[in-house]
Amino acid sequence: SGTTSGTFARLINMNIEPFLLASTI
């Protein structure tokens, strides 16, 4: 990922649900 903050968009583009990212990362 280009930036730390861009990590979430990168994973969302992998079809990972945002609530899963918010609860685990």
mmCIF file of all heavy atoms, coordinates in Angstrom:
data_MODEL
# 
_entry.id   MODEL 
# 
loop_
_atom_site.group_PDB 
_atom_site.id 
_atom_site.type_symbol 
_atom_site.label_atom_id 
_atom_site.label_alt_id 
_atom_site.label_comp_id 
_atom_site.label_asym_id 
_atom_site.label_entity_id 
_atom_site.label_seq_id 
_atom_site.pdbx_PDB_ins_code 
_atom_site.Cartn_x 
_atom_site.Cartn_y 
_atom_site.Cartn_z 
_atom_site.occupancy 
_atom_site.B_iso_or_equiv 
_atom_site.pdbx_formal_charge 
_atom_site.auth_seq_id 
_atom_site.auth_comp_id 
_atom_site.auth_asym_id 
_atom_site.auth_atom_id 
_atom_site.pdbx_PDB_model_num 
ATOM 1   N N   . SER A 1 1  ? 0.860   -1.175 0.000  1.00 0.00 ? 1  SER A N   1 
ATOM 2   C CA  . SER A 1 1  ? 0.000   0.000  0.000  1.00 0.00 ? 1  SER A CA  1 
ATOM 3   C C   . SER A 1 1  ? 0.893   1.220  0.000  1.00 0.00 ? 1  SER A C   1 
ATOM 4   O O   . SER A 1 1  ? 1.953   1.239  0.637  1.00 0.00 ? 1  SER A O   1 
ATOM 5   C CB  . SER A 1 1  ? -0.910  0.010  1.233  1.00 0.00 ? 1  SER A CB  1 
ATOM 6   O OG  . SER A 1 1  ? -1.646  1.210  1.325  1.00 0.00 ? 1  SER A OG  1 
ATOM 7   N N   . GLY A 1 2  ? 0.484   2.251  -0.719 1.00 0.00 ? 2  GLY A N   1 
ATOM 8   C CA  . GLY A 1 2  ? 1.311   3.441  -0.812 1.00 0.00 ? 2  GLY A CA  1 
ATOM 9   C C   . GLY A 1 2  ? 1.486   4.172  0.500  1.00 0.00 ? 2  GLY A C   1 
ATOM 10  O O   . GLY A 1 2  ? 2.536   4.739  0.765  1.00 0.00 ? 2  GLY A O   1 
ATOM 11  N N   . THR A 1 3  ? 0.452   4.166  1.327  1.00 0.00 ? 3  THR A N   1 
ATOM 12  C CA  . THR A 1 3  ? 0.474   4.857  2.608  1.00 0.00 ? 3  THR A CA  1 
ATOM 13  C C   . THR A 1 3  ? -0.163  3.981  3.673  1.00 0.00 ? 3  THR A C   1 
ATOM 14  O O   . THR A 1 3  ? -0.896  3.038  3.365  1.00 0.00 ? 3  THR A O   1 
ATOM 15  C CB  . THR A 1 3  ? -0.283  6.191  2.532  1.00 0.00 ? 3  THR A CB  1 
ATOM 16  O OG1 . THR A 1 3  ? -1.664  5.929  2.191  1.00 0.00 ? 3  THR A OG1 1 
ATOM 17  C CG2 . THR A 1 3  ? 0.325   7.113  1.473  1.00 0.00 ? 3  THR A CG2 1 
ATOM 18  N N   . THR A 1 4  ? 0.083   4.306  4.929  1.00 0.00 ? 4  THR A N   1 
ATOM 19  C CA  . THR A 1 4  ? -0.558  3.559  6.005  1.00 0.00 ? 4  THR A CA  1 
ATOM 20  C C   . THR A 1 4  ? -2.068  3.727  5.958  1.00 0.00 ? 4  THR A C   1 
ATOM 21  O O   . THR A 1 4  ? -2.817  2.770  6.116  1.00 0.00 ? 4  THR A O   1 
ATOM 22  C CB  . THR A 1 4  ? -0.032  4.026  7.373  1.00 0.00 ? 4  THR A CB  1 
ATOM 23  O OG1 . THR A 1 4  ? -0.203  5.450  7.485  1.00 0.00 ? 4  THR A OG1 1 
ATOM 24  C CG2 . THR A 1 4  ? 1.437   3.701  7.539  1.00 0.00 ? 4  THR A CG2 1 
ATOM 25  N N   . SER A 1 5  ? -2.518  4.944  5.745  1.00 0.00 ? 5  SER A N   1 
ATOM 26  C CA  . SER A 1 5  ? -3.957  5.199  5.706  1.00 0.00 ? 5  SER A CA  1 
ATOM 27  C C   . SER A 1 5  ? -4.624  4.564  4.498  1.00 0.00 ? 5  SER A C   1 
ATOM 28  O O   . SER A 1 5  ? -5.831  4.295  4.512  1.00 0.00 ? 5  SER A O   1 
ATOM 29  C CB  . SER A 1 5  ? -4.228  6.709  5.725  1.00 0.00 ? 5  SER A CB  1 
ATOM 30  O OG  . SER A 1 5  ? -3.467  7.374  4.745  1.00 0.00 ? 5  SER A OG  1 
ATOM 31  N N   . GLY A 1 6  ? -3.847  4.322  3.430  1.00 0.00 ? 6  GLY A N   1 
ATOM 32  C CA  . GLY A 1 6  ? -4.394  3.680  2.244  1.00 0.00 ? 6  GLY A CA  1 
ATOM 33  C C   . GLY A 1 6  ? -4.571  2.184  2.390  1.00 0.00 ? 6  GLY A C   1 
ATOM 34  O O   . GLY A 1 6  ? -5.145  1.530  1.508  1.00 0.00 ? 6  GLY A O   1 
ATOM 35  N N   . THR A 1 7  ? -4.103  1.628  3.511  1.00 0.00 ? 7  THR A N   1 
ATOM 36  C CA  . THR A 1 7  ? -4.227  0.196  3.761  1.00 0.00 ? 7  THR A CA  1 
ATOM 37  C C   . THR A 1 7  ? -5.683  -0.250 3.764  1.00 0.00 ? 7  THR A C   1 
ATOM 38  O O   . THR A 1 7  ? -6.025  -1.308 3.229  1.00 0.00 ? 7  THR A O   1 
ATOM 39  C CB  . THR A 1 7  ? -3.565  -0.156 5.103  1.00 0.00 ? 7  THR A CB  1 
ATOM 40  O OG1 . THR A 1 7  ? -2.171  0.154  5.033  1.00 0.00 ? 7  THR A OG1 1 
ATOM 41  C CG2 . THR A 1 7  ? -3.746  -1.621 5.441  1.00 0.00 ? 7  THR A CG2 1 
ATOM 42  N N   . PHE A 1 8  ? -6.539  0.560  4.351  1.00 0.00 ? 8  PHE A N   1 
ATOM 43  C CA  . PHE A 1 8  ? -7.946  0.173  4.476  1.00 0.00 ? 8  PHE A CA  1 
ATOM 44  C C   . PHE A 1 8  ? -8.624  0.108  3.111  1.00 0.00 ? 8  PHE A C   1 
ATOM 45  O O   . PHE A 1 8  ? -9.363  -0.837 2.816  1.00 0.00 ? 8  PHE A O   1 
ATOM 46  C CB  . PHE A 1 8  ? -8.669  1.145  5.408  1.00 0.00 ? 8  PHE A CB  1 
ATOM 47  C CG  . PHE A 1 8  ? -8.032  1.250  6.755  1.00 0.00 ? 8  PHE A CG  1 
ATOM 48  C CD1 . PHE A 1 8  ? -7.170  2.309  7.061  1.00 0.00 ? 8  PHE A CD1 1 
ATOM 49  C CD2 . PHE A 1 8  ? -8.252  0.292  7.725  1.00 0.00 ? 8  PHE A CD2 1 
ATOM 50  C CE1 . PHE A 1 8  ? -6.571  2.412  8.294  1.00 0.00 ? 8  PHE A CE1 1 
ATOM 51  C CE2 . PHE A 1 8  ? -7.648  0.389  8.975  1.00 0.00 ? 8  PHE A CE2 1 
ATOM 52  C CZ  . PHE A 1 8  ? -6.802  1.437  9.248  1.00 0.00 ? 8  PHE A CZ  1 
ATOM 53  N N   . ALA A 1 9  ? -8.359  1.113  2.259  1.00 0.00 ? 9  ALA A N   1 
ATOM 54  C CA  . ALA A 1 9  ? -8.920  1.096  0.909  1.00 0.00 ? 9  ALA A CA  1 
ATOM 55  C C   . ALA A 1 9  ? -8.407  -0.097 0.118  1.00 0.00 ? 9  ALA A C   1 
ATOM 56  O O   . ALA A 1 9  ? -9.141  -0.709 -0.665 1.00 0.00 ? 9  ALA A O   1 
ATOM 57  C CB  . ALA A 1 9  ? -8.582  2.402  0.185  1.00 0.00 ? 9  ALA A CB  1 
ATOM 58  N N   . ARG A 1 10 ? -7.129  -0.422 0.311  1.00 0.00 ? 10 ARG A N   1 
ATOM 59  C CA  . ARG A 1 10 ? -6.538  -1.574 -0.385 1.00 0.00 ? 10 ARG A CA  1 
ATOM 60  C C   . ARG A 1 10 ? -7.275  -2.861 -0.008 1.00 0.00 ? 10 ARG A C   1 
ATOM 61  O O   . ARG A 1 10 ? -7.580  -3.684 -0.877 1.00 0.00 ? 10 ARG A O   1 
ATOM 62  C CB  . ARG A 1 10 ? -5.059  -1.674 -0.001 1.00 0.00 ? 10 ARG A CB  1 
ATOM 63  C CG  . ARG A 1 10 ? -4.338  -2.873 -0.585 1.00 0.00 ? 10 ARG A CG  1 
ATOM 64  C CD  . ARG A 1 10 ? -3.855  -2.622 -1.979 1.00 0.00 ? 10 ARG A CD  1 
ATOM 65  N NE  . ARG A 1 10 ? -3.042  -3.697 -2.460 1.00 0.00 ? 10 ARG A NE  1 
ATOM 66  C CZ  . ARG A 1 10 ? -3.489  -4.803 -3.058 1.00 0.00 ? 10 ARG A CZ  1 
ATOM 67  N NH1 . ARG A 1 10 ? -4.792  -4.947 -3.271 1.00 0.00 ? 10 ARG A NH1 1 
ATOM 68  N NH2 . ARG A 1 10 ? -2.662  -5.740 -3.454 1.00 0.00 ? 10 ARG A NH2 1 
ATOM 69  N N   . LEU A 1 11 ? -7.574  -3.045 1.271  1.00 0.00 ? 11 LEU A N   1 
ATOM 70  C CA  . LEU A 1 11 ? -8.262  -4.255 1.711  1.00 0.00 ? 11 LEU A CA  1 
ATOM 71  C C   . LEU A 1 11 ? -9.737  -4.249 1.315  1.00 0.00 ? 11 LEU A C   1 
ATOM 72  O O   . LEU A 1 11 ? -10.310 -5.295 1.006  1.00 0.00 ? 11 LEU A O   1 
ATOM 73  C CB  . LEU A 1 11 ? -8.109  -4.416 3.223  1.00 0.00 ? 11 LEU A CB  1 
ATOM 74  C CG  . LEU A 1 11 ? -6.688  -4.808 3.676  1.00 0.00 ? 11 LEU A CG  1 
ATOM 75  C CD1 . LEU A 1 11 ? -6.531  -4.610 5.178  1.00 0.00 ? 11 LEU A CD1 1 
ATOM 76  C CD2 . LEU A 1 11 ? -6.393  -6.250 3.292  1.00 0.00 ? 11 LEU A CD2 1 
ATOM 77  N N   . ILE A 1 12 ? -10.367 -3.073 1.335  1.00 0.00 ? 12 ILE A N   1 
ATOM 78  C CA  . ILE A 1 12 ? -11.756 -2.975 0.882  1.00 0.00 ? 12 ILE A CA  1 
ATOM 79  C C   . ILE A 1 12 ? -11.847 -3.354 -0.588 1.00 0.00 ? 12 ILE A C   1 
ATOM 80  O O   . ILE A 1 12 ? -12.805 -4.013 -1.028 1.00 0.00 ? 12 ILE A O   1 
ATOM 81  C CB  . ILE A 1 12 ? -12.308 -1.565 1.141  1.00 0.00 ? 12 ILE A CB  1 
ATOM 82  C CG1 . ILE A 1 12 ? -12.517 -1.353 2.656  1.00 0.00 ? 12 ILE A CG1 1 
ATOM 83  C CG2 . ILE A 1 12 ? -13.631 -1.350 0.406  1.00 0.00 ? 12 ILE A CG2 1 
ATOM 84  C CD1 . ILE A 1 12 ? -12.885 0.060  3.043  1.00 0.00 ? 12 ILE A CD1 1 
ATOM 85  N N   . ASN A 1 13 ? -10.833 -2.978 -1.374 1.00 0.00 ? 13 ASN A N   1 
ATOM 86  C CA  . ASN A 1 13 ? -10.791 -3.366 -2.787 1.00 0.00 ? 13 ASN A CA  1 
ATOM 87  C C   . ASN A 1 13 ? -10.616 -4.873 -2.963 1.00 0.00 ? 13 ASN A C   1 
ATOM 88  O O   . ASN A 1 13 ? -10.874 -5.402 -4.041 1.00 0.00 ? 13 ASN A O   1 
ATOM 89  C CB  . ASN A 1 13 ? -9.671  -2.620 -3.512 1.00 0.00 ? 13 ASN A CB  1 
ATOM 90  C CG  . ASN A 1 13 ? -9.996  -1.155 -3.737 1.00 0.00 ? 13 ASN A CG  1 
ATOM 91  O OD1 . ASN A 1 13 ? -11.162 -0.762 -3.762 1.00 0.00 ? 13 ASN A OD1 1 
ATOM 92  N ND2 . ASN A 1 13 ? -8.974  -0.331 -3.890 1.00 0.00 ? 13 ASN A ND2 1 
ATOM 93  N N   . MET A 1 14 ? -10.146 -5.547 -1.901 1.00 0.00 ? 14 MET A N   1 
ATOM 94  C CA  . MET A 1 14 ? -10.067 -7.015 -1.910 1.00 0.00 ? 14 MET A CA  1 
ATOM 95  C C   . MET A 1 14 ? -11.381 -7.639 -1.449 1.00 0.00 ? 14 MET A C   1 
ATOM 96  O O   . MET A 1 14 ? -11.443 -8.844 -1.194 1.00 0.00 ? 14 MET A O   1 
ATOM 97  C CB  . MET A 1 14 ? -8.940  -7.497 -0.985 1.00 0.00 ? 14 MET A CB  1 
ATOM 98  C CG  . MET A 1 14 ? -7.543  -7.225 -1.489 1.00 0.00 ? 14 MET A CG  1 
ATOM 99  S SD  . MET A 1 14 ? -6.308  -7.958 -0.342 1.00 0.00 ? 14 MET A SD  1 
ATOM 100 C CE  . MET A 1 14 ? -4.787  -7.432 -1.102 1.00 0.00 ? 14 MET A CE  1 
ATOM 101 N N   . ASN A 1 15 ? -12.420 -6.820 -1.332 1.00 0.00 ? 15 ASN A N   1 
ATOM 102 C CA  . ASN A 1 15 ? -13.754 -7.277 -0.928 1.00 0.00 ? 15 ASN A CA  1 
ATOM 103 C C   . ASN A 1 15 ? -13.839 -7.662 0.548  1.00 0.00 ? 15 ASN A C   1 
ATOM 104 O O   . ASN A 1 15 ? -14.677 -8.489 0.933  1.00 0.00 ? 15 ASN A O   1 
ATOM 105 C CB  . ASN A 1 15 ? -14.224 -8.448 -1.802 1.00 0.00 ? 15 ASN A CB  1 
ATOM 106 C CG  . ASN A 1 15 ? -14.375 -8.063 -3.261 1.00 0.00 ? 15 ASN A CG  1 
ATOM 107 O OD1 . ASN A 1 15 ? -14.910 -7.016 -3.595 1.00 0.00 ? 15 ASN A OD1 1 
ATOM 108 N ND2 . ASN A 1 15 ? -13.870 -8.922 -4.147 1.00 0.00 ? 15 ASN A ND2 1 
ATOM 109 N N   . ILE A 1 16 ? -12.982 -7.071 1.369  1.00 0.00 ? 16 ILE A N   1 
ATOM 110 C CA  . ILE A 1 16 ? -13.079 -7.262 2.809  1.00 0.00 ? 16 ILE A CA  1 
ATOM 111 C C   . ILE A 1 16 ? -14.033 -6.217 3.379  1.00 0.00 ? 16 ILE A C   1 
ATOM 112 O O   . ILE A 1 16 ? -13.900 -5.023 3.097  1.00 0.00 ? 16 ILE A O   1 
ATOM 113 C CB  . ILE A 1 16 ? -11.700 -7.148 3.484  1.00 0.00 ? 16 ILE A CB  1 
ATOM 114 C CG1 . ILE A 1 16 ? -10.700 -8.101 2.844  1.00 0.00 ? 16 ILE A CG1 1 
ATOM 115 C CG2 . ILE A 1 16 ? -11.840 -7.424 4.980  1.00 0.00 ? 16 ILE A CG2 1 
ATOM 116 C CD1 . ILE A 1 16 ? -11.065 -9.553 2.925  1.00 0.00 ? 16 ILE A CD1 1 
ATOM 117 N N   . GLU A 1 17 ? -14.991 -6.654 4.179  1.00 0.00 ? 17 GLU A N   1 
ATOM 118 C CA  . GLU A 1 17 ? -15.986 -5.750 4.734  1.00 0.00 ? 17 GLU A CA  1 
ATOM 119 C C   . GLU A 1 17 ? -15.338 -4.742 5.689  1.00 0.00 ? 17 GLU A C   1 
ATOM 120 O O   . GLU A 1 17 ? -14.496 -5.117 6.518  1.00 0.00 ? 17 GLU A O   1 
ATOM 121 C CB  . GLU A 1 17 ? -17.065 -6.532 5.484  1.00 0.00 ? 17 GLU A CB  1 
ATOM 122 C CG  . GLU A 1 17 ? -17.951 -7.390 4.595  1.00 0.00 ? 17 GLU A CG  1 
ATOM 123 C CD  . GLU A 1 17 ? -18.851 -6.537 3.706  1.00 0.00 ? 17 GLU A CD  1 
ATOM 124 O OE1 . GLU A 1 17 ? -19.077 -5.355 4.038  1.00 0.00 ? 17 GLU A OE1 1 
ATOM 125 O OE2 . GLU A 1 17 ? -19.333 -7.051 2.697  1.00 0.00 ? 17 GLU A OE2 1 
ATOM 126 N N   . PRO A 1 18 ? -15.729 -3.473 5.589  1.00 0.00 ? 18 PRO A N   1 
ATOM 127 C CA  . PRO A 1 18 ? -15.135 -2.449 6.460  1.00 0.00 ? 18 PRO A CA  1 
ATOM 128 C C   . PRO A 1 18 ? -15.272 -2.749 7.946  1.00 0.00 ? 18 PRO A C   1 
ATOM 129 O O   . PRO A 1 18 ? -14.361 -2.457 8.729  1.00 0.00 ? 18 PRO A O   1 
ATOM 130 C CB  . PRO A 1 18 ? -15.900 -1.181 6.078  1.00 0.00 ? 18 PRO A CB  1 
ATOM 131 C CG  . PRO A 1 18 ? -16.339 -1.412 4.669  1.00 0.00 ? 18 PRO A CG  1 
ATOM 132 C CD  . PRO A 1 18 ? -16.630 -2.881 4.594  1.00 0.00 ? 18 PRO A CD  1 
ATOM 133 N N   . PHE A 1 19 ? -16.405 -3.343 8.371  1.00 0.00 ? 19 PHE A N   1 
ATOM 134 C CA  . PHE A 1 19 ? -16.578 -3.596 9.795  1.00 0.00 ? 19 PHE A CA  1 
ATOM 135 C C   . PHE A 1 19 ? -15.570 -4.632 10.299 1.00 0.00 ? 19 PHE A C   1 
ATOM 136 O O   . PHE A 1 19 ? -15.166 -4.584 11.469 1.00 0.00 ? 19 PHE A O   1 
ATOM 137 C CB  . PHE A 1 19 ? -18.013 -4.042 10.096 1.00 0.00 ? 19 PHE A CB  1 
ATOM 138 C CG  . PHE A 1 19 ? -18.329 -5.474 9.757  1.00 0.00 ? 19 PHE A CG  1 
ATOM 139 C CD1 . PHE A 1 19 ? -18.142 -6.478 10.703 1.00 0.00 ? 19 PHE A CD1 1 
ATOM 140 C CD2 . PHE A 1 19 ? -18.809 -5.827 8.509  1.00 0.00 ? 19 PHE A CD2 1 
ATOM 141 C CE1 . PHE A 1 19 ? -18.441 -7.807 10.405 1.00 0.00 ? 19 PHE A CE1 1 
ATOM 142 C CE2 . PHE A 1 19 ? -19.101 -7.145 8.193  1.00 0.00 ? 19 PHE A CE2 1 
ATOM 143 C CZ  . PHE A 1 19 ? -18.921 -8.132 9.144  1.00 0.00 ? 19 PHE A CZ  1 
ATOM 144 N N   . LEU A 1 20 ? -15.149 -5.563 9.424  1.00 0.00 ? 20 LEU A N   1 
ATOM 145 C CA  . LEU A 1 20 ? -14.132 -6.529 9.815  1.00 0.00 ? 20 LEU A CA  1 
ATOM 146 C C   . LEU A 1 20 ? -12.776 -5.848 9.999  1.00 0.00 ? 20 LEU A C   1 
ATOM 147 O O   . LEU A 1 20 ? -12.034 -6.166 10.924 1.00 0.00 ? 20 LEU A O   1 
ATOM 148 C CB  . LEU A 1 20 ? -14.021 -7.643 8.766  1.00 0.00 ? 20 LEU A CB  1 
ATOM 149 C CG  . LEU A 1 20 ? -15.213 -8.589 8.640  1.00 0.00 ? 20 LEU A CG  1 
ATOM 150 C CD1 . LEU A 1 20 ? -15.006 -9.554 7.470  1.00 0.00 ? 20 LEU A CD1 1 
ATOM 151 C CD2 . LEU A 1 20 ? -15.425 -9.368 9.936  1.00 0.00 ? 20 LEU A CD2 1 
ATOM 152 N N   . LEU A 1 21 ? -12.452 -4.918 9.123  1.00 0.00 ? 21 LEU A N   1 
ATOM 153 C CA  . LEU A 1 21 ? -11.205 -4.173 9.241  1.00 0.00 ? 21 LEU A CA  1 
ATOM 154 C C   . LEU A 1 21 ? -11.206 -3.335 10.513 1.00 0.00 ? 21 LEU A C   1 
ATOM 155 O O   . LEU A 1 21 ? -10.208 -3.284 11.239 1.00 0.00 ? 21 LEU A O   1 
ATOM 156 C CB  . LEU A 1 21 ? -11.002 -3.269 8.022  1.00 0.00 ? 21 LEU A CB  1 
ATOM 157 C CG  . LEU A 1 21 ? -10.979 -3.953 6.658  1.00 0.00 ? 21 LEU A CG  1 
ATOM 158 C CD1 . LEU A 1 21 ? -10.813 -2.919 5.541  1.00 0.00 ? 21 LEU A CD1 1 
ATOM 159 C CD2 . LEU A 1 21 ? -9.861  -4.982 6.590  1.00 0.00 ? 21 LEU A CD2 1 
ATOM 160 N N   . ALA A 1 22 ? -12.318 -2.669 10.764 1.00 0.00 ? 22 ALA A N   1 
ATOM 161 C CA  . ALA A 1 22 ? -12.417 -1.795 11.924 1.00 0.00 ? 22 ALA A CA  1 
ATOM 162 C C   . ALA A 1 22 ? -12.293 -2.568 13.235 1.00 0.00 ? 22 ALA A C   1 
ATOM 163 O O   . ALA A 1 22 ? -11.776 -2.046 14.229 1.00 0.00 ? 22 ALA A O   1 
ATOM 164 C CB  . ALA A 1 22 ? -13.741 -1.025 11.892 1.00 0.00 ? 22 ALA A CB  1 
ATOM 165 N N   . SER A 1 23 ? -12.729 -3.809 13.234 1.00 0.00 ? 23 SER A N   1 
ATOM 166 C CA  . SER A 1 23 ? -12.736 -4.582 14.473 1.00 0.00 ? 23 SER A CA  1 
ATOM 167 C C   . SER A 1 23 ? -11.472 -5.412 14.682 1.00 0.00 ? 23 SER A C   1 
ATOM 168 O O   . SER A 1 23 ? -11.262 -5.929 15.791 1.00 0.00 ? 23 SER A O   1 
ATOM 169 C CB  . SER A 1 23 ? -13.959 -5.511 14.501 1.00 0.00 ? 23 SER A CB  1 
ATOM 170 O OG  . SER A 1 23 ? -13.957 -6.395 13.386 1.00 0.00 ? 23 SER A OG  1 
ATOM 171 N N   . THR A 1 24 ? -10.635 -5.555 13.669 1.00 0.00 ? 24 THR A N   1 
ATOM 172 C CA  . THR A 1 24 ? -9.456  -6.420 13.808 1.00 0.00 ? 24 THR A CA  1 
ATOM 173 C C   . THR A 1 24 ? -8.128  -5.678 13.711 1.00 0.00 ? 24 THR A C   1 
ATOM 174 O O   . THR A 1 24 ? -7.190  -6.000 14.445 1.00 0.00 ? 24 THR A O   1 
ATOM 175 C CB  . THR A 1 24 ? -9.458  -7.541 12.748 1.00 0.00 ? 24 THR A CB  1 
ATOM 176 O OG1 . THR A 1 24 ? -9.550  -6.966 11.433 1.00 0.00 ? 24 THR A OG1 1 
ATOM 177 C CG2 . THR A 1 24 ? -10.619 -8.493 12.984 1.00 0.00 ? 24 THR A CG2 1 
ATOM 178 N N   . ILE A 1 25 ? -8.009  -4.694 12.800 1.00 0.00 ? 25 ILE A N   1 
ATOM 179 C CA  . ILE A 1 25 ? -6.733  -4.000 12.621 1.00 0.00 ? 25 ILE A CA  1 
ATOM 180 C C   . ILE A 1 25 ? -6.501  -3.060 13.795 1.00 0.00 ? 25 ILE A C   1 
ATOM 181 O O   . ILE A 1 25 ? -7.299  -2.173 14.083 1.00 0.00 ? 25 ILE A O   1 
ATOM 182 C CB  . ILE A 1 25 ? -6.701  -3.213 11.299 1.00 0.00 ? 25 ILE A CB  1 
ATOM 183 C CG1 . ILE A 1 25 ? -6.809  -4.171 10.107 1.00 0.00 ? 25 ILE A CG1 1 
ATOM 184 C CG2 . ILE A 1 25 ? -5.405  -2.400 11.195 1.00 0.00 ? 25 ILE A CG2 1 
ATOM 185 C CD1 . ILE A 1 25 ? -6.844  -3.473 8.761  1.00 0.00 ? 25 ILE A CD1 1 
# 
